[in-house]
């Protein structure tokens, strides 16, 4: 029985390590595009987290911070914010934004290396679905102070603007999902957890005395270049471009031409629709 247990532990640790490396490497090669077009953290979730804390946060930890867009949004809203990011390219882009209140650490979300009970708030901005929820929430519980807030903040694709552009985006990513299903090497290159289970994972962890979901929208300006860039900032499309470009070239060319025609050189308002799932420790 002991041997079986040891083998199970080894298998679990190997599976976790494989998932870590797959998802870490999935974000190589397009940090510049990501940084230029992705939305940052809106003011609203920061206001809600601050309201639930009933004070200005001392330390905020941003897990899977990417290029640091969601980290720097906390400047002047807390005394210190630490972005955690395992991907080499994203970490380098993020670290350029560091200052006396903003810092970045290259590590995984479930093993941050931070001190226990150090954070008033821990956030995952468009990143929790790339993390093992059980291991990550255990780490969140370890570093989060009693009374602290954990929040997973995600936006829906595409943003609300022109319905024809939205339809083109959905068509392109339907093609991406089909290609991932058809090609085993693409399908096996990542592990993604279901966003729709974020709240239930928070509840079932048993770490939080209060949990809820909050839905809101945030308006930003968008032109054809940004709309196309947002598609190019998604790891699924990037994986195909980097490894099997011939499979997606025609669809991507058609998408680019469609979006450029629809926007016709104009800049317009676009609404990003958000879902924030949170827990109070």
C-alpha atoms as a PDB file:
ATOM      1  CA  UNK A   1       0.000   0.000   0.000  1.00  0.00           C
ATOM      2  CA  UNK A   2       2.847   2.367   0.841  1.00  0.00           C
ATOM      3  CA  UNK A   3       4.421   1.776  -2.575  1.00  0.00           C
ATOM      4  CA  UNK A   4       1.108   2.478  -4.296  1.00  0.00           C
ATOM      5  CA  UNK A   5       0.732   5.709  -2.310  1.00  0.00           C
ATOM      6  CA  UNK A   6       4.260   6.807  -3.190  1.00  0.00           C
ATOM      7  CA  UNK A   7       3.649   6.086  -6.876  1.00  0.00           C
ATOM      8  CA  UNK A   8       0.395   8.078  -6.765  1.00  0.00           C
ATOM      9  CA  UNK A   9       2.200  11.043  -5.182  1.00  0.00           C
ATOM     10  CA  UNK A  10       4.960  10.884  -7.800  1.00  0.00           C
ATOM     11  CA  UNK A  11       2.367  10.719 -10.595  1.00  0.00           C
ATOM     12  CA  UNK A  12       0.446  13.672  -9.121  1.00  0.00           C
ATOM     13  CA  UNK A  13       3.589  15.787  -8.734  1.00  0.00           C
ATOM     14  CA  UNK A  14       4.667  14.945 -12.288  1.00  0.00           C
ATOM     15  CA  UNK A  15       1.207  15.865 -13.649  1.00  0.00           C
ATOM     16  CA  UNK A  16       1.265  19.173 -11.781  1.00  0.00           C
ATOM     17  CA  UNK A  17       4.751  19.979 -13.077  1.00  0.00           C
ATOM     18  CA  UNK A  18       3.722  19.122 -16.652  1.00  0.00           C
ATOM     19  CA  UNK A  19       0.671  21.379 -16.402  1.00  0.00           C
ATOM     20  CA  UNK A  20       2.816  24.195 -15.011  1.00  0.00           C
ATOM     21  CA  UNK A  21       5.330  24.011 -17.831  1.00  0.00           C
ATOM     22  CA  UNK A  22       2.728  23.652 -20.584  1.00  0.00           C
ATOM     23  CA  UNK A  23       0.782  26.707 -19.480  1.00  0.00           C
ATOM     24  CA  UNK A  24       3.923  28.714 -18.701  1.00  0.00           C
ATOM     25  CA  UNK A  25       5.346  28.136 -22.186  1.00  0.00           C
ATOM     26  CA  UNK A  26       1.987  28.898 -23.822  1.00  0.00           C
ATOM     27  CA  UNK A  27       2.600  32.602 -23.196  1.00  0.00           C
ATOM     28  CA  UNK A  28       5.955  32.911 -24.928  1.00  0.00           C
ATOM     29  CA  UNK A  29       6.511  35.137 -27.939  1.00  0.00           C
ATOM     30  CA  UNK A  30       3.716  37.714 -27.789  1.00  0.00           C
ATOM     31  CA  UNK A  31       4.109  39.714 -24.565  1.00  0.00           C
ATOM     32  CA  UNK A  32       4.428  42.948 -26.584  1.00  0.00           C
ATOM     33  CA  UNK A  33       1.075  42.443 -28.321  1.00  0.00           C
ATOM     34  CA  UNK A  34      -0.558  41.376 -25.054  1.00  0.00           C
ATOM     35  CA  UNK A  35       0.747  44.450 -23.238  1.00  0.00           C
ATOM     36  CA  UNK A  36      -0.448  46.871 -25.921  1.00  0.00           C
ATOM     37  CA  UNK A  37      -4.035  45.693 -26.402  1.00  0.00           C
ATOM     38  CA  UNK A  38      -5.321  43.833 -23.333  1.00  0.00           C
ATOM     39  CA  UNK A  39      -7.542  45.738 -20.894  1.00  0.00           C
ATOM     40  CA  UNK A  40      -6.056  46.541 -17.514  1.00  0.00           C
ATOM     41  CA  UNK A  41      -7.825  46.036 -14.208  1.00  0.00           C
ATOM     42  CA  UNK A  42     -10.821  48.424 -14.084  1.00  0.00           C
ATOM     43  CA  UNK A  43     -11.430  50.659 -11.075  1.00  0.00           C
ATOM     44  CA  UNK A  44     -14.650  48.871 -10.089  1.00  0.00           C
ATOM     45  CA  UNK A  45     -13.203  45.599  -8.703  1.00  0.00           C
ATOM     46  CA  UNK A  46     -10.550  47.596  -6.841  1.00  0.00           C
ATOM     47  CA  UNK A  47     -13.326  49.689  -5.273  1.00  0.00           C
ATOM     48  CA  UNK A  48     -15.312  46.575  -4.298  1.00  0.00           C
ATOM     49  CA  UNK A  49     -12.306  44.805  -2.780  1.00  0.00           C
ATOM     50  CA  UNK A  50     -11.393  47.967  -0.845  1.00  0.00           C
ATOM     51  CA  UNK A  51     -15.006  48.269   0.363  1.00  0.00           C
ATOM     52  CA  UNK A  52     -15.033  44.638   1.561  1.00  0.00           C
ATOM     53  CA  UNK A  53     -11.714  45.171   3.344  1.00  0.00           C
ATOM     54  CA  UNK A  54     -13.119  48.359   4.906  1.00  0.00           C
ATOM     55  CA  UNK A  55      -9.685  49.938   4.553  1.00  0.00           C
ATOM     56  CA  UNK A  56      -6.934  50.657   2.053  1.00  0.00           C
ATOM     57  CA  UNK A  57      -5.069  47.417   1.381  1.00  0.00           C
ATOM     58  CA  UNK A  58      -1.548  47.173   2.697  1.00  0.00           C
ATOM     59  CA  UNK A  59      -0.284  44.371   0.412  1.00  0.00           C
ATOM     60  CA  UNK A  60      -2.020  43.036  -2.715  1.00  0.00           C
ATOM     61  CA  UNK A  61      -0.777  39.935  -4.559  1.00  0.00           C
ATOM     62  CA  UNK A  62      -1.616  39.552  -8.260  1.00  0.00           C
ATOM     63  CA  UNK A  63      -1.334  35.896  -9.308  1.00  0.00           C
ATOM     64  CA  UNK A  64      -0.628  35.190 -12.982  1.00  0.00           C
ATOM     65  CA  UNK A  65      -0.132  38.894 -13.574  1.00  0.00           C
ATOM     66  CA  UNK A  66       0.972  38.554 -17.208  1.00  0.00           C
ATOM     67  CA  UNK A  67       2.633  41.742 -18.420  1.00  0.00           C
ATOM     68  CA  UNK A  68       1.617  43.559 -15.229  1.00  0.00           C
ATOM     69  CA  UNK A  69      -1.436  45.450 -16.508  1.00  0.00           C
ATOM     70  CA  UNK A  70      -3.600  44.251 -13.629  1.00  0.00           C
ATOM     71  CA  UNK A  71      -0.782  44.865 -11.145  1.00  0.00           C
ATOM     72  CA  UNK A  72      -0.077  48.515 -11.918  1.00  0.00           C
ATOM     73  CA  UNK A  73      -3.809  49.286 -11.679  1.00  0.00           C
ATOM     74  CA  UNK A  74      -3.390  48.991  -7.893  1.00  0.00           C
ATOM     75  CA  UNK A  75      -0.894  51.862  -7.722  1.00  0.00           C
ATOM     76  CA  UNK A  76      -2.130  54.411  -5.133  1.00  0.00           C
ATOM     77  CA  UNK A  77      -4.862  51.974  -4.051  1.00  0.00           C
ATOM     78  CA  UNK A  78      -2.597  49.954  -1.739  1.00  0.00           C
ATOM     79  CA  UNK A  79       0.761  50.366  -0.040  1.00  0.00           C
ATOM     80  CA  UNK A  80       2.438  47.589  -2.026  1.00  0.00           C
ATOM     81  CA  UNK A  81       1.448  45.221  -4.825  1.00  0.00           C
ATOM     82  CA  UNK A  82       3.343  42.096  -5.886  1.00  0.00           C
ATOM     83  CA  UNK A  83       2.808  40.524  -9.299  1.00  0.00           C
ATOM     84  CA  UNK A  84       3.463  36.775  -9.577  1.00  0.00           C
ATOM     85  CA  UNK A  85       4.191  35.463 -13.093  1.00  0.00           C
ATOM     86  CA  UNK A  86       5.965  32.257 -14.244  1.00  0.00           C
ATOM     87  CA  UNK A  87       6.272  32.981 -17.994  1.00  0.00           C
ATOM     88  CA  UNK A  88       9.676  34.391 -18.965  1.00  0.00           C
ATOM     89  CA  UNK A  89       8.439  36.858 -21.593  1.00  0.00           C
ATOM     90  CA  UNK A  90       5.510  38.125 -19.549  1.00  0.00           C
ATOM     91  CA  UNK A  91       7.663  38.514 -16.448  1.00  0.00           C
ATOM     92  CA  UNK A  92      10.225  40.602 -18.349  1.00  0.00           C
ATOM     93  CA  UNK A  93       7.468  42.866 -19.699  1.00  0.00           C
ATOM     94  CA  UNK A  94       5.935  43.194 -16.240  1.00  0.00           C
ATOM     95  CA  UNK A  95       9.185  43.854 -14.437  1.00  0.00           C
ATOM     96  CA  UNK A  96       9.754  46.966 -16.537  1.00  0.00           C
ATOM     97  CA  UNK A  97       6.775  48.480 -14.690  1.00  0.00           C
ATOM     98  CA  UNK A  98       8.259  47.969 -11.208  1.00  0.00           C
ATOM     99  CA  UNK A  99       8.747  50.911  -8.856  1.00  0.00           C
ATOM    100  CA  UNK A 100       8.947  51.511  -5.100  1.00  0.00           C
ATOM    101  CA  UNK A 101       5.400  50.185  -4.494  1.00  0.00           C
ATOM    102  CA  UNK A 102       5.120  47.716  -7.402  1.00  0.00           C
ATOM    103  CA  UNK A 103       7.274  44.585  -7.586  1.00  0.00           C
ATOM    104  CA  UNK A 104       7.251  41.333  -9.530  1.00  0.00           C
ATOM    105  CA  UNK A 105       8.319  37.804  -8.666  1.00  0.00           C
ATOM    106  CA  UNK A 106       8.917  34.992 -11.145  1.00  0.00           C
ATOM    107  CA  UNK A 107       7.109  32.012  -9.660  1.00  0.00           C
ATOM    108  CA  UNK A 108       3.991  29.881  -9.937  1.00  0.00           C
ATOM    109  CA  UNK A 109       0.686  30.806  -8.321  1.00  0.00           C
ATOM    110  CA  UNK A 110       0.590  27.753  -6.064  1.00  0.00           C
ATOM    111  CA  UNK A 111       4.137  28.234  -4.749  1.00  0.00           C
ATOM    112  CA  UNK A 112       4.711  31.985  -4.550  1.00  0.00           C
ATOM    113  CA  UNK A 113       7.446  31.863  -1.916  1.00  0.00           C
ATOM    114  CA  UNK A 114       5.754  34.742  -0.106  1.00  0.00           C
ATOM    115  CA  UNK A 115       5.349  34.866   3.676  1.00  0.00           C
ATOM    116  CA  UNK A 116       2.222  33.446   5.287  1.00  0.00           C
ATOM    117  CA  UNK A 117      -0.534  35.926   6.199  1.00  0.00           C
ATOM    118  CA  UNK A 118       1.132  38.689   4.185  1.00  0.00           C
ATOM    119  CA  UNK A 119      -1.674  39.888   1.882  1.00  0.00           C
ATOM    120  CA  UNK A 120      -4.903  41.812   2.400  1.00  0.00           C
ATOM    121  CA  UNK A 121      -6.061  40.867  -1.096  1.00  0.00           C
ATOM    122  CA  UNK A 122      -5.082  38.246  -3.668  1.00  0.00           C
ATOM    123  CA  UNK A 123      -6.342  38.627  -7.225  1.00  0.00           C
ATOM    124  CA  UNK A 124      -6.270  36.629 -10.440  1.00  0.00           C
ATOM    125  CA  UNK A 125      -7.028  38.779 -13.467  1.00  0.00           C
ATOM    126  CA  UNK A 126      -7.947  36.633 -16.483  1.00  0.00           C
ATOM    127  CA  UNK A 127      -5.584  33.974 -15.147  1.00  0.00           C
ATOM    128  CA  UNK A 128      -7.234  31.631 -12.628  1.00  0.00           C
ATOM    129  CA  UNK A 129      -8.318  29.234 -15.388  1.00  0.00           C
ATOM    130  CA  UNK A 130      -4.632  28.510 -16.106  1.00  0.00           C
ATOM    131  CA  UNK A 131      -3.993  27.390 -12.512  1.00  0.00           C
ATOM    132  CA  UNK A 132      -4.777  24.206 -10.625  1.00  0.00           C
ATOM    133  CA  UNK A 133      -7.626  25.552  -8.460  1.00  0.00           C
ATOM    134  CA  UNK A 134      -7.069  23.254  -5.477  1.00  0.00           C
ATOM    135  CA  UNK A 135      -3.346  23.987  -5.167  1.00  0.00           C
ATOM    136  CA  UNK A 136      -3.737  27.682  -5.933  1.00  0.00           C
ATOM    137  CA  UNK A 137      -6.513  28.240  -3.404  1.00  0.00           C
ATOM    138  CA  UNK A 138      -4.434  26.447  -0.764  1.00  0.00           C
ATOM    139  CA  UNK A 139      -1.631  28.922  -1.440  1.00  0.00           C
ATOM    140  CA  UNK A 140      -4.088  31.818  -1.431  1.00  0.00           C
ATOM    141  CA  UNK A 141      -5.323  30.673   1.974  1.00  0.00           C
ATOM    142  CA  UNK A 142      -1.739  30.521   3.233  1.00  0.00           C
ATOM    143  CA  UNK A 143      -0.704  34.028   2.165  1.00  0.00           C
ATOM    144  CA  UNK A 144      -4.060  35.763   2.754  1.00  0.00           C
ATOM    145  CA  UNK A 145      -4.762  37.422   6.087  1.00  0.00           C
ATOM    146  CA  UNK A 146      -7.946  36.610   7.994  1.00  0.00           C
ATOM    147  CA  UNK A 147     -10.595  38.992   6.651  1.00  0.00           C
ATOM    148  CA  UNK A 148      -8.724  39.288   3.372  1.00  0.00           C
ATOM    149  CA  UNK A 149     -10.289  39.073  -0.086  1.00  0.00           C
ATOM    150  CA  UNK A 150      -9.556  36.672  -2.914  1.00  0.00           C
ATOM    151  CA  UNK A 151     -10.971  37.685  -6.309  1.00  0.00           C
ATOM    152  CA  UNK A 152     -10.807  36.021  -9.717  1.00  0.00           C
ATOM    153  CA  UNK A 153     -11.659  38.681 -12.312  1.00  0.00           C
ATOM    154  CA  UNK A 154     -12.355  37.593 -15.898  1.00  0.00           C
ATOM    155  CA  UNK A 155     -13.653  39.346 -18.992  1.00  0.00           C
ATOM    156  CA  UNK A 156     -15.680  37.781 -21.778  1.00  0.00           C
ATOM    157  CA  UNK A 157     -14.503  37.650 -25.398  1.00  0.00           C
ATOM    158  CA  UNK A 158     -15.190  39.569 -27.540  1.00  0.00           C
ATOM    159  CA  UNK A 159     -15.961  43.053 -26.169  1.00  0.00           C
ATOM    160  CA  UNK A 160     -19.307  44.608 -27.111  1.00  0.00           C
ATOM    161  CA  UNK A 161     -18.915  46.959 -30.109  1.00  0.00           C
ATOM    162  CA  UNK A 162     -20.080  46.071 -33.638  1.00  0.00           C
ATOM    163  CA  UNK A 163     -22.021  42.828 -33.801  1.00  0.00           C
ATOM    164  CA  UNK A 164     -20.421  41.940 -37.135  1.00  0.00           C
ATOM    165  CA  UNK A 165     -16.951  42.267 -35.565  1.00  0.00           C
ATOM    166  CA  UNK A 166     -18.064  40.177 -32.603  1.00  0.00           C
ATOM    167  CA  UNK A 167     -19.395  37.494 -34.961  1.00  0.00           C
ATOM    168  CA  UNK A 168     -16.115  37.475 -36.909  1.00  0.00           C
ATOM    169  CA  UNK A 169     -14.178  37.042 -33.662  1.00  0.00           C
ATOM    170  CA  UNK A 170     -16.358  34.117 -32.608  1.00  0.00           C
ATOM    171  CA  UNK A 171     -15.975  32.502 -36.032  1.00  0.00           C
ATOM    172  CA  UNK A 172     -12.180  32.801 -35.889  1.00  0.00           C
ATOM    173  CA  UNK A 173     -11.991  31.222 -32.446  1.00  0.00           C
ATOM    174  CA  UNK A 174     -14.396  28.490 -33.412  1.00  0.00           C
ATOM    175  CA  UNK A 175     -11.768  27.648 -36.044  1.00  0.00           C
ATOM    176  CA  UNK A 176      -9.071  27.749 -33.351  1.00  0.00           C
ATOM    177  CA  UNK A 177     -11.015  25.358 -31.107  1.00  0.00           C
ATOM    178  CA  UNK A 178     -11.646  22.978 -34.032  1.00  0.00           C
ATOM    179  CA  UNK A 179      -7.950  22.918 -34.896  1.00  0.00           C
ATOM    180  CA  UNK A 180      -7.066  22.200 -31.265  1.00  0.00           C
ATOM    181  CA  UNK A 181      -9.448  19.249 -31.294  1.00  0.00           C
ATOM    182  CA  UNK A 182      -8.155  17.947 -34.630  1.00  0.00           C
ATOM    183  CA  UNK A 183      -4.444  18.168 -33.802  1.00  0.00           C
ATOM    184  CA  UNK A 184      -3.335  16.271 -30.734  1.00  0.00           C
ATOM    185  CA  UNK A 185      -0.116  18.229 -30.267  1.00  0.00           C
ATOM    186  CA  UNK A 186      -2.105  21.477 -30.029  1.00  0.00           C
ATOM    187  CA  UNK A 187      -4.705  19.962 -27.703  1.00  0.00           C
ATOM    188  CA  UNK A 188      -2.061  18.495 -25.407  1.00  0.00           C
ATOM    189  CA  UNK A 189      -0.012  21.708 -25.240  1.00  0.00           C
ATOM    190  CA  UNK A 190      -2.075  23.262 -22.430  1.00  0.00           C
ATOM    191  CA  UNK A 191      -4.388  22.539 -19.511  1.00  0.00           C
ATOM    192  CA  UNK A 192      -7.234  24.984 -18.920  1.00  0.00           C
ATOM    193  CA  UNK A 193      -9.732  24.830 -16.070  1.00  0.00           C
ATOM    194  CA  UNK A 194     -13.381  25.842 -16.518  1.00  0.00           C
ATOM    195  CA  UNK A 195     -14.051  29.502 -15.658  1.00  0.00           C
ATOM    196  CA  UNK A 196     -17.656  28.619 -14.891  1.00  0.00           C
ATOM    197  CA  UNK A 197     -16.425  26.593 -11.916  1.00  0.00           C
ATOM    198  CA  UNK A 198     -14.438  29.434 -10.317  1.00  0.00           C
ATOM    199  CA  UNK A 199     -17.145  30.273  -7.784  1.00  0.00           C
ATOM    200  CA  UNK A 200     -17.867  26.644  -6.883  1.00  0.00           C
ATOM    201  CA  UNK A 201     -14.129  26.023  -6.453  1.00  0.00           C
ATOM    202  CA  UNK A 202     -13.923  29.002  -4.090  1.00  0.00           C
ATOM    203  CA  UNK A 203     -16.945  27.742  -2.141  1.00  0.00           C
ATOM    204  CA  UNK A 204     -15.844  24.099  -2.034  1.00  0.00           C
ATOM    205  CA  UNK A 205     -12.339  24.977  -0.854  1.00  0.00           C
ATOM    206  CA  UNK A 206     -13.744  25.749   2.609  1.00  0.00           C
ATOM    207  CA  UNK A 207     -11.315  28.634   3.080  1.00  0.00           C
ATOM    208  CA  UNK A 208     -13.822  31.464   2.760  1.00  0.00           C
ATOM    209  CA  UNK A 209     -16.688  32.495   5.051  1.00  0.00           C
ATOM    210  CA  UNK A 210     -18.436  34.510   2.312  1.00  0.00           C
ATOM    211  CA  UNK A 211     -18.468  34.037  -1.462  1.00  0.00           C
ATOM    212  CA  UNK A 212     -20.277  35.654  -4.347  1.00  0.00           C
ATOM    213  CA  UNK A 213     -20.157  36.592  -8.039  1.00  0.00           C
ATOM    214  CA  UNK A 214     -20.354  40.180  -9.270  1.00  0.00           C
ATOM    215  CA  UNK A 215     -21.020  41.070 -12.915  1.00  0.00           C
ATOM    216  CA  UNK A 216     -20.083  44.442 -14.406  1.00  0.00           C
ATOM    217  CA  UNK A 217     -18.836  46.120 -17.581  1.00  0.00           C
ATOM    218  CA  UNK A 218     -16.057  48.577 -18.330  1.00  0.00           C
ATOM    219  CA  UNK A 219     -15.889  50.840 -21.373  1.00  0.00           C
ATOM    220  CA  UNK A 220     -12.687  51.442 -23.335  1.00  0.00           C
ATOM    221  CA  UNK A 221     -11.794  52.834 -26.750  1.00  0.00           C
ATOM    222  CA  UNK A 222     -11.109  50.399 -29.553  1.00  0.00           C
ATOM    223  CA  UNK A 223     -10.060  50.626 -33.200  1.00  0.00           C
ATOM    224  CA  UNK A 224      -9.391  47.939 -35.806  1.00  0.00           C
ATOM    225  CA  UNK A 225      -5.744  47.581 -34.810  1.00  0.00           C
ATOM    226  CA  UNK A 226      -6.646  46.943 -31.192  1.00  0.00           C
ATOM    227  CA  UNK A 227      -9.523  44.594 -32.007  1.00  0.00           C
ATOM    228  CA  UNK A 228      -7.256  42.511 -34.235  1.00  0.00           C
ATOM    229  CA  UNK A 229      -4.503  42.725 -31.617  1.00  0.00           C
ATOM    230  CA  UNK A 230      -6.825  41.372 -28.941  1.00  0.00           C
ATOM    231  CA  UNK A 231      -7.333  38.262 -31.056  1.00  0.00           C
ATOM    232  CA  UNK A 232      -3.570  37.974 -31.544  1.00  0.00           C
ATOM    233  CA  UNK A 233      -3.069  38.306 -27.766  1.00  0.00           C
ATOM    234  CA  UNK A 234      -4.912  35.040 -27.099  1.00  0.00           C
ATOM    235  CA  UNK A 235      -2.683  32.073 -26.481  1.00  0.00           C
ATOM    236  CA  UNK A 236      -4.745  29.575 -28.483  1.00  0.00           C
ATOM    237  CA  UNK A 237      -4.369  31.539 -31.701  1.00  0.00           C
ATOM    238  CA  UNK A 238      -0.724  32.302 -30.942  1.00  0.00           C
ATOM    239  CA  UNK A 239       0.051  28.621 -30.425  1.00  0.00           C
ATOM    240  CA  UNK A 240      -1.230  27.817 -33.925  1.00  0.00           C
ATOM    241  CA  UNK A 241       0.546  30.815 -35.481  1.00  0.00           C
ATOM    242  CA  UNK A 242       3.837  29.773 -33.885  1.00  0.00           C
ATOM    243  CA  UNK A 243       3.651  26.036 -34.581  1.00  0.00           C
ATOM    244  CA  UNK A 244       1.256  25.414 -37.489  1.00  0.00           C
ATOM    245  CA  UNK A 245       0.706  28.806 -39.217  1.00  0.00           C
ATOM    246  CA  UNK A 246      -0.539  27.269 -42.465  1.00  0.00           C
ATOM    247  CA  UNK A 247      -3.601  25.933 -40.654  1.00  0.00           C
ATOM    248  CA  UNK A 248      -4.875  29.375 -39.662  1.00  0.00           C
ATOM    249  CA  UNK A 249      -3.430  31.770 -42.276  1.00  0.00           C
ATOM    250  CA  UNK A 250      -6.489  32.026 -44.533  1.00  0.00           C
ATOM    251  CA  UNK A 251      -8.929  32.400 -41.644  1.00  0.00           C
ATOM    252  CA  UNK A 252      -6.731  35.011 -39.963  1.00  0.00           C
ATOM    253  CA  UNK A 253      -6.267  36.982 -43.196  1.00  0.00           C
ATOM    254  CA  UNK A 254     -10.040  36.982 -43.741  1.00  0.00           C
ATOM    255  CA  UNK A 255     -10.642  38.063 -40.146  1.00  0.00           C
ATOM    256  CA  UNK A 256      -8.127  40.911 -40.399  1.00  0.00           C
ATOM    257  CA  UNK A 257      -9.662  42.207 -43.635  1.00  0.00           C
ATOM    258  CA  UNK A 258     -13.188  41.985 -42.184  1.00  0.00           C
ATOM    259  CA  UNK A 259     -12.304  43.923 -39.030  1.00  0.00           C
ATOM    260  CA  UNK A 260     -10.437  46.619 -40.955  1.00  0.00           C
ATOM    261  CA  UNK A 261     -13.455  47.102 -43.253  1.00  0.00           C
ATOM    262  CA  UNK A 262     -15.923  47.204 -40.359  1.00  0.00           C
ATOM    263  CA  UNK A 263     -14.005  49.796 -38.364  1.00  0.00           C
ATOM    264  CA  UNK A 264     -13.136  51.814 -41.488  1.00  0.00           C
ATOM    265  CA  UNK A 265     -10.418  53.749 -39.664  1.00  0.00           C
ATOM    266  CA  UNK A 266     -12.714  54.793 -36.818  1.00  0.00           C
ATOM    267  CA  UNK A 267     -12.196  54.489 -33.081  1.00  0.00           C
ATOM    268  CA  UNK A 268     -15.275  53.530 -31.078  1.00  0.00           C
ATOM    269  CA  UNK A 269     -16.324  52.615 -27.564  1.00  0.00           C
ATOM    270  CA  UNK A 270     -16.260  48.938 -26.605  1.00  0.00           C
ATOM    271  CA  UNK A 271     -17.672  47.379 -23.443  1.00  0.00           C
ATOM    272  CA  UNK A 272     -15.724  44.601 -21.765  1.00  0.00           C
ATOM    273  CA  UNK A 273     -18.093  42.386 -19.773  1.00  0.00           C
ATOM    274  CA  UNK A 274     -16.570  41.114 -16.521  1.00  0.00           C
ATOM    275  CA  UNK A 275     -17.322  38.404 -13.983  1.00  0.00           C
ATOM    276  CA  UNK A 276     -15.688  38.668 -10.567  1.00  0.00           C
ATOM    277  CA  UNK A 277     -15.865  35.657  -8.245  1.00  0.00           C
ATOM    278  CA  UNK A 278     -14.634  36.392  -4.759  1.00  0.00           C
ATOM    279  CA  UNK A 279     -14.293  35.018  -1.280  1.00  0.00           C
ATOM    280  CA  UNK A 280     -13.715  36.605   2.125  1.00  0.00           C
ATOM    281  CA  UNK A 281     -11.373  34.603   4.339  1.00  0.00           C
END
